[in-house]
Structures are given as C-alpha cells and as structure tokens.
Amino acid sequence: MTLGELLQFLDANTKHDFLAGGVAESLTRAQNGEHPDPIAGEILAGIAEGCGAADTDAEVERAQVVNSIGPLRLKYQADDAPVEGFRLMRETVLAIDEAFDQEAIRQKTGEAPSS
C-alpha cells in the first residue's frame, strides 16, 4: 500500500478530514503545520516521517505506520490530552488496521482496491 492510498483510506473511512485538498497537498500542509485540522495534520506528518516516506507514492507497511504514530498515541492518551485527540487517534488506529486488512485480502483474492 502506498502512503497516498493509506491517506485516502483514512479520509474516506473516518469521520475526520485527513485530506485538505489533494493527497500530496494535504501531506505538505501537514508537514508544514498548516493542515486545517491540527491533530489530523500531526498524524499525517507523523506517519510520513515515521515511515520515511518522501512522497505519496512511497510504499508503507502496517508495522511502520503503527510504530510511527506510537508517540502521538501516548500523547493523546495522557490525562490532560484533549478528548477529541484521543477519539481521533482511536479512530485512526482502527482505520489503519482496516486498510491493511483489506489490502491483505485483495492480495490474496486478486480483487480491485476499494475505498
């Protein structure tokens, strides 16, 4: 799965707007701290940085993605963290698992991708 495919999946399968424009534009805005949703932007930037993904066509693996947001998960699980951050992290983790589960099924069955 590419970083771009993952970001599109997160945007389509969560209640939050991970994409602010196109995929590449959203990632750039997140990395520059200019994403309209600061928490979603922080997650996007964390995934890209943690996976060493220079662009949206870079392949990412489930373990890389999950490990890349580990520090953010801890941040938003803290007692003084905003509840919206906690909820977004929980929803994001579930969506990441679903994205990679669907990818694994597609590879085994040869089905076309869905969002």
N, C-alpha and C. Protein backbone atom coordinates (compact mmCIF):
# COMPACT_ATOMS: atom_id res chain seq x y z
N MET A 1 0.85 -1.17 0.00
CA MET A 1 0.00 0.00 0.00
C MET A 1 0.90 1.23 0.00
N THR A 2 0.51 2.22 -0.77
CA THR A 2 1.29 3.45 -0.78
C THR A 2 0.80 4.40 0.32
N LEU A 3 1.62 5.35 0.63
CA LEU A 3 1.22 6.36 1.61
C LEU A 3 -0.03 7.09 1.13
N GLY A 4 -0.08 7.42 -0.14
CA GLY A 4 -1.25 8.10 -0.70
C GLY A 4 -2.52 7.28 -0.56
N GLU A 5 -2.42 5.98 -0.85
CA GLU A 5 -3.59 5.11 -0.71
C GLU A 5 -4.06 5.06 0.74
N LEU A 6 -3.12 5.00 1.66
CA LEU A 6 -3.48 4.98 3.08
C LEU A 6 -4.17 6.28 3.49
N LEU A 7 -3.63 7.41 3.05
CA LEU A 7 -4.23 8.69 3.41
C LEU A 7 -5.63 8.83 2.83
N GLN A 8 -5.83 8.37 1.61
CA GLN A 8 -7.17 8.39 1.01
C GLN A 8 -8.12 7.50 1.81
N PHE A 9 -7.64 6.34 2.24
CA PHE A 9 -8.47 5.43 3.02
C PHE A 9 -8.87 6.08 4.34
N LEU A 10 -7.90 6.70 5.01
CA LEU A 10 -8.21 7.36 6.28
C LEU A 10 -9.26 8.45 6.10
N ASP A 11 -9.13 9.21 5.05
CA ASP A 11 -10.08 10.28 4.80
C ASP A 11 -11.47 9.73 4.50
N ALA A 12 -11.53 8.67 3.73
CA ALA A 12 -12.82 8.10 3.32
C ALA A 12 -13.48 7.26 4.40
N ASN A 13 -12.70 6.76 5.35
CA ASN A 13 -13.23 5.79 6.30
C ASN A 13 -13.18 6.23 7.75
N THR A 14 -13.04 7.52 7.97
CA THR A 14 -13.14 8.08 9.31
C THR A 14 -14.07 9.29 9.24
N LYS A 15 -14.42 9.80 10.39
CA LYS A 15 -15.30 10.97 10.44
C LYS A 15 -14.52 12.27 10.29
N HIS A 16 -13.22 12.18 10.10
CA HIS A 16 -12.36 13.36 10.06
C HIS A 16 -11.83 13.62 8.66
N ASP A 17 -11.51 14.88 8.42
CA ASP A 17 -10.96 15.27 7.12
C ASP A 17 -9.45 15.22 7.18
N PHE A 18 -8.91 14.08 6.76
CA PHE A 18 -7.46 13.95 6.69
C PHE A 18 -6.92 14.68 5.47
N LEU A 19 -7.72 14.73 4.41
CA LEU A 19 -7.28 15.40 3.20
C LEU A 19 -7.81 16.83 3.18
N ALA A 20 -6.89 17.73 2.94
CA ALA A 20 -7.21 19.15 2.79
C ALA A 20 -6.70 19.54 1.40
N GLY A 21 -7.50 19.18 0.40
CA GLY A 21 -7.05 19.30 -0.98
C GLY A 21 -6.65 17.92 -1.47
N GLY A 22 -5.72 17.86 -2.38
CA GLY A 22 -5.24 16.58 -2.87
C GLY A 22 -4.37 15.88 -1.84
N VAL A 23 -4.01 14.64 -2.13
CA VAL A 23 -3.22 13.85 -1.18
C VAL A 23 -1.86 14.49 -0.94
N ALA A 24 -1.14 14.82 -2.00
CA ALA A 24 0.19 15.42 -1.85
C ALA A 24 0.10 16.77 -1.15
N GLU A 25 -0.89 17.57 -1.54
CA GLU A 25 -1.07 18.89 -0.91
C GLU A 25 -1.36 18.74 0.59
N SER A 26 -2.20 17.77 0.93
CA SER A 26 -2.55 17.55 2.34
C SER A 26 -1.32 17.16 3.14
N LEU A 27 -0.51 16.30 2.56
CA LEU A 27 0.71 15.87 3.25
C LEU A 27 1.67 17.04 3.44
N THR A 28 1.83 17.84 2.42
CA THR A 28 2.71 19.01 2.52
C THR A 28 2.20 19.97 3.58
N ARG A 29 0.91 20.22 3.57
CA ARG A 29 0.32 21.13 4.57
C ARG A 29 0.53 20.57 5.98
N ALA A 30 0.36 19.26 6.14
CA ALA A 30 0.56 18.63 7.45
C ALA A 30 2.01 18.77 7.90
N GLN A 31 2.93 18.52 7.00
CA GLN A 31 4.35 18.59 7.34
C GLN A 31 4.79 20.02 7.65
N ASN A 32 4.10 21.00 7.09
CA ASN A 32 4.42 22.40 7.34
C ASN A 32 3.62 22.99 8.50
N GLY A 33 2.82 22.16 9.17
CA GLY A 33 2.00 22.63 10.28
C GLY A 33 0.85 23.52 9.84
N GLU A 34 0.40 23.36 8.58
CA GLU A 34 -0.64 24.21 8.02
C GLU A 34 -1.94 23.46 7.73
N HIS A 35 -2.05 22.24 8.20
CA HIS A 35 -3.26 21.45 7.96
C HIS A 35 -4.41 22.08 8.74
N PRO A 36 -5.61 22.19 8.14
CA PRO A 36 -6.73 22.83 8.84
C PRO A 36 -7.15 22.10 10.12
N ASP A 37 -6.91 20.81 10.20
CA ASP A 37 -7.19 20.05 11.43
C ASP A 37 -5.83 19.71 12.05
N PRO A 38 -5.42 20.44 13.09
CA PRO A 38 -4.08 20.25 13.64
C PRO A 38 -3.77 18.83 14.09
N ILE A 39 -4.75 18.14 14.65
CA ILE A 39 -4.49 16.78 15.13
C ILE A 39 -4.35 15.82 13.95
N ALA A 40 -5.24 15.92 12.97
CA ALA A 40 -5.12 15.08 11.77
C ALA A 40 -3.81 15.39 11.05
N GLY A 41 -3.44 16.65 10.99
CA GLY A 41 -2.17 17.03 10.37
C GLY A 41 -0.98 16.44 11.10
N GLU A 42 -1.06 16.43 12.41
CA GLU A 42 0.01 15.85 13.22
C GLU A 42 0.13 14.35 12.95
N ILE A 43 -1.00 13.69 12.80
CA ILE A 43 -1.00 12.25 12.50
C ILE A 43 -0.40 12.01 11.11
N LEU A 44 -0.83 12.76 10.12
CA LEU A 44 -0.30 12.59 8.76
C LEU A 44 1.21 12.81 8.72
N ALA A 45 1.65 13.89 9.34
CA ALA A 45 3.09 14.19 9.36
C ALA A 45 3.85 13.10 10.10
N GLY A 46 3.28 12.61 11.19
CA GLY A 46 3.93 11.54 11.95
C GLY A 46 4.06 10.26 11.15
N ILE A 47 3.03 9.92 10.41
CA ILE A 47 3.09 8.71 9.57
C ILE A 47 4.16 8.85 8.51
N ALA A 48 4.16 9.98 7.81
CA ALA A 48 5.14 10.19 6.74
C ALA A 48 6.56 10.16 7.29
N GLU A 49 6.77 10.86 8.40
CA GLU A 49 8.12 10.90 8.98
C GLU A 49 8.53 9.53 9.51
N GLY A 50 7.65 8.88 10.24
CA GLY A 50 7.97 7.59 10.83
C GLY A 50 8.21 6.50 9.82
N CYS A 51 7.59 6.64 8.65
CA CYS A 51 7.77 5.65 7.59
C CYS A 51 8.89 6.04 6.63
N GLY A 52 9.45 7.22 6.83
CA GLY A 52 10.49 7.68 5.92
C GLY A 52 9.97 7.87 4.51
N ALA A 53 8.69 8.22 4.40
CA ALA A 53 8.04 8.35 3.10
C ALA A 53 8.23 9.77 2.58
N ALA A 54 9.00 9.90 1.52
CA ALA A 54 9.29 11.21 0.94
C ALA A 54 8.15 11.72 0.07
N ASP A 55 7.33 10.79 -0.46
CA ASP A 55 6.21 11.22 -1.28
C ASP A 55 5.05 10.24 -1.13
N THR A 56 3.94 10.58 -1.72
CA THR A 56 2.72 9.79 -1.53
C THR A 56 2.74 8.46 -2.28
N ASP A 57 3.71 8.27 -3.17
CA ASP A 57 3.83 7.00 -3.90
C ASP A 57 4.71 5.99 -3.16
N ALA A 58 5.27 6.40 -2.03
CA ALA A 58 6.14 5.50 -1.27
C ALA A 58 5.31 4.38 -0.65
N GLU A 59 5.84 3.18 -0.71
CA GLU A 59 5.18 2.02 -0.09
C GLU A 59 5.36 2.10 1.42
N VAL A 60 4.28 1.79 2.15
CA VAL A 60 4.33 1.76 3.61
C VAL A 60 3.82 0.41 4.09
N GLU A 61 4.31 -0.01 5.23
CA GLU A 61 3.92 -1.28 5.84
C GLU A 61 3.15 -1.00 7.11
N ARG A 62 2.29 -1.93 7.48
CA ARG A 62 1.46 -1.77 8.67
C ARG A 62 2.32 -1.47 9.91
N ALA A 63 3.34 -2.26 10.16
CA ALA A 63 4.15 -2.07 11.37
C ALA A 63 4.79 -0.68 11.38
N GLN A 64 5.28 -0.23 10.24
CA GLN A 64 5.87 1.12 10.15
C GLN A 64 4.85 2.18 10.54
N VAL A 65 3.67 2.06 9.97
CA VAL A 65 2.63 3.07 10.20
C VAL A 65 2.23 3.09 11.67
N VAL A 66 1.98 1.92 12.23
CA VAL A 66 1.55 1.85 13.62
C VAL A 66 2.66 2.38 14.54
N ASN A 67 3.89 1.99 14.28
CA ASN A 67 5.01 2.48 15.10
C ASN A 67 5.20 3.99 14.95
N SER A 68 4.93 4.51 13.77
CA SER A 68 5.14 5.94 13.52
C SER A 68 4.20 6.82 14.33
N ILE A 69 3.02 6.31 14.65
CA ILE A 69 2.09 7.12 15.44
C ILE A 69 2.10 6.75 16.91
N GLY A 70 2.98 5.84 17.31
CA GLY A 70 3.07 5.44 18.71
C GLY A 70 3.24 6.62 19.67
N PRO A 71 4.19 7.52 19.42
CA PRO A 71 4.34 8.67 20.31
C PRO A 71 3.09 9.56 20.38
N LEU A 72 2.39 9.71 19.27
CA LEU A 72 1.16 10.51 19.27
C LEU A 72 0.06 9.82 20.05
N ARG A 73 0.01 8.50 19.96
CA ARG A 73 -0.99 7.76 20.74
C ARG A 73 -0.78 8.01 22.23
N LEU A 74 0.47 7.95 22.65
CA LEU A 74 0.77 8.21 24.07
C LEU A 74 0.42 9.64 24.46
N LYS A 75 0.72 10.57 23.57
CA LYS A 75 0.40 11.98 23.83
C LYS A 75 -1.09 12.16 24.06
N TYR A 76 -1.91 11.55 23.20
CA TYR A 76 -3.35 11.76 23.28
C TYR A 76 -4.05 10.81 24.26
N GLN A 77 -3.29 9.92 24.89
CA GLN A 77 -3.84 9.08 25.95
C GLN A 77 -3.55 9.68 27.33
N ALA A 78 -2.78 10.73 27.37
CA ALA A 78 -2.44 11.37 28.64
C ALA A 78 -3.69 11.96 29.27
N ASP A 79 -3.66 12.06 30.59
CA ASP A 79 -4.81 12.58 31.33
C ASP A 79 -5.21 13.99 30.91
N ASP A 80 -4.24 14.81 30.55
CA ASP A 80 -4.54 16.20 30.20
C ASP A 80 -4.72 16.42 28.70
N ALA A 81 -4.77 15.34 27.93
CA ALA A 81 -4.93 15.46 26.47
C ALA A 81 -6.39 15.77 26.13
N PRO A 82 -6.60 16.51 25.03
CA PRO A 82 -7.98 16.79 24.63
C PRO A 82 -8.69 15.51 24.19
N VAL A 83 -9.93 15.39 24.59
CA VAL A 83 -10.70 14.18 24.28
C VAL A 83 -10.84 13.98 22.77
N GLU A 84 -10.92 15.06 22.00
CA GLU A 84 -11.03 14.91 20.54
C GLU A 84 -9.77 14.27 19.96
N GLY A 85 -8.62 14.54 20.56
CA GLY A 85 -7.38 13.90 20.11
C GLY A 85 -7.39 12.42 20.41
N PHE A 86 -7.87 12.06 21.59
CA PHE A 86 -7.98 10.64 21.96
C PHE A 86 -8.90 9.91 20.99
N ARG A 87 -10.06 10.52 20.72
CA ARG A 87 -11.03 9.88 19.81
C ARG A 87 -10.47 9.74 18.40
N LEU A 88 -9.81 10.78 17.91
CA LEU A 88 -9.25 10.73 16.56
C LEU A 88 -8.16 9.67 16.46
N MET A 89 -7.33 9.56 17.48
CA MET A 89 -6.28 8.53 17.47
C MET A 89 -6.90 7.14 17.45
N ARG A 90 -7.91 6.92 18.28
CA ARG A 90 -8.55 5.61 18.33
C ARG A 90 -9.16 5.27 16.98
N GLU A 91 -9.87 6.22 16.40
CA GLU A 91 -10.49 6.00 15.10
C GLU A 91 -9.44 5.76 14.01
N THR A 92 -8.34 6.48 14.08
CA THR A 92 -7.27 6.34 13.10
C THR A 92 -6.63 4.96 13.17
N VAL A 93 -6.35 4.50 14.37
CA VAL A 93 -5.73 3.18 14.54
C VAL A 93 -6.65 2.09 13.97
N LEU A 94 -7.93 2.18 14.25
CA LEU A 94 -8.87 1.20 13.71
C LEU A 94 -8.91 1.26 12.18
N ALA A 95 -8.88 2.46 11.62
CA ALA A 95 -8.91 2.61 10.17
C ALA A 95 -7.62 2.10 9.53
N ILE A 96 -6.49 2.30 10.18
CA ILE A 96 -5.22 1.77 9.66
C ILE A 96 -5.28 0.26 9.60
N ASP A 97 -5.75 -0.36 10.67
CA ASP A 97 -5.88 -1.82 10.67
C ASP A 97 -6.80 -2.28 9.55
N GLU A 98 -7.93 -1.60 9.38
CA GLU A 98 -8.88 -1.98 8.33
C GLU A 98 -8.26 -1.82 6.94
N ALA A 99 -7.51 -0.75 6.73
CA ALA A 99 -6.87 -0.52 5.42
C ALA A 99 -5.92 -1.66 5.08
N PHE A 100 -5.09 -2.05 6.02
CA PHE A 100 -4.13 -3.11 5.75
C PHE A 100 -4.79 -4.48 5.71
N ASP A 101 -5.87 -4.68 6.47
CA ASP A 101 -6.62 -5.93 6.37
C ASP A 101 -7.23 -6.07 4.98
N GLN A 102 -7.84 -4.99 4.49
CA GLN A 102 -8.43 -5.03 3.15
C GLN A 102 -7.36 -5.25 2.09
N GLU A 103 -6.20 -4.64 2.26
CA GLU A 103 -5.10 -4.82 1.32
C GLU A 103 -4.65 -6.28 1.28
N ALA A 104 -4.55 -6.90 2.43
CA ALA A 104 -4.14 -8.30 2.51
C ALA A 104 -5.17 -9.21 1.82
N ILE A 105 -6.43 -8.93 2.04
CA ILE A 105 -7.48 -9.73 1.39
C ILE A 105 -7.43 -9.54 -0.12
N ARG A 106 -7.25 -8.31 -0.56
CA ARG A 106 -7.15 -8.02 -2.00
C ARG A 106 -5.99 -8.79 -2.62
N GLN A 107 -4.87 -8.81 -1.95
CA GLN A 107 -3.71 -9.51 -2.49
C GLN A 107 -3.95 -11.01 -2.59
N LYS A 108 -4.68 -11.55 -1.64
CA LYS A 108 -4.95 -12.98 -1.65
C LYS A 108 -6.01 -13.36 -2.69
N THR A 109 -6.95 -12.46 -2.93
CA THR A 109 -8.05 -12.79 -3.85
C THR A 109 -7.90 -12.17 -5.22
N GLY A 110 -7.02 -11.19 -5.35
CA GLY A 110 -6.82 -10.51 -6.62
C GLY A 110 -7.91 -9.50 -6.94
N GLU A 111 -8.66 -9.07 -5.92
CA GLU A 111 -9.72 -8.08 -6.13
C GLU A 111 -9.14 -6.69 -6.34
N ALA A 112 -9.94 -5.84 -6.97
CA ALA A 112 -9.56 -4.44 -7.17
C ALA A 112 -9.71 -3.68 -5.85
N PRO A 113 -8.88 -2.64 -5.63
CA PRO A 113 -8.98 -1.84 -4.40
C PRO A 113 -10.33 -1.14 -4.27
N SER A 114 -10.76 -0.95 -3.01
CA SER A 114 -11.96 -0.16 -2.72
C SER A 114 -11.62 0.83 -1.66
N SER A 115 -12.40 1.92 -1.55
CA SER A 115 -12.11 2.92 -0.52
C SER A 115 -13.12 2.90 0.57
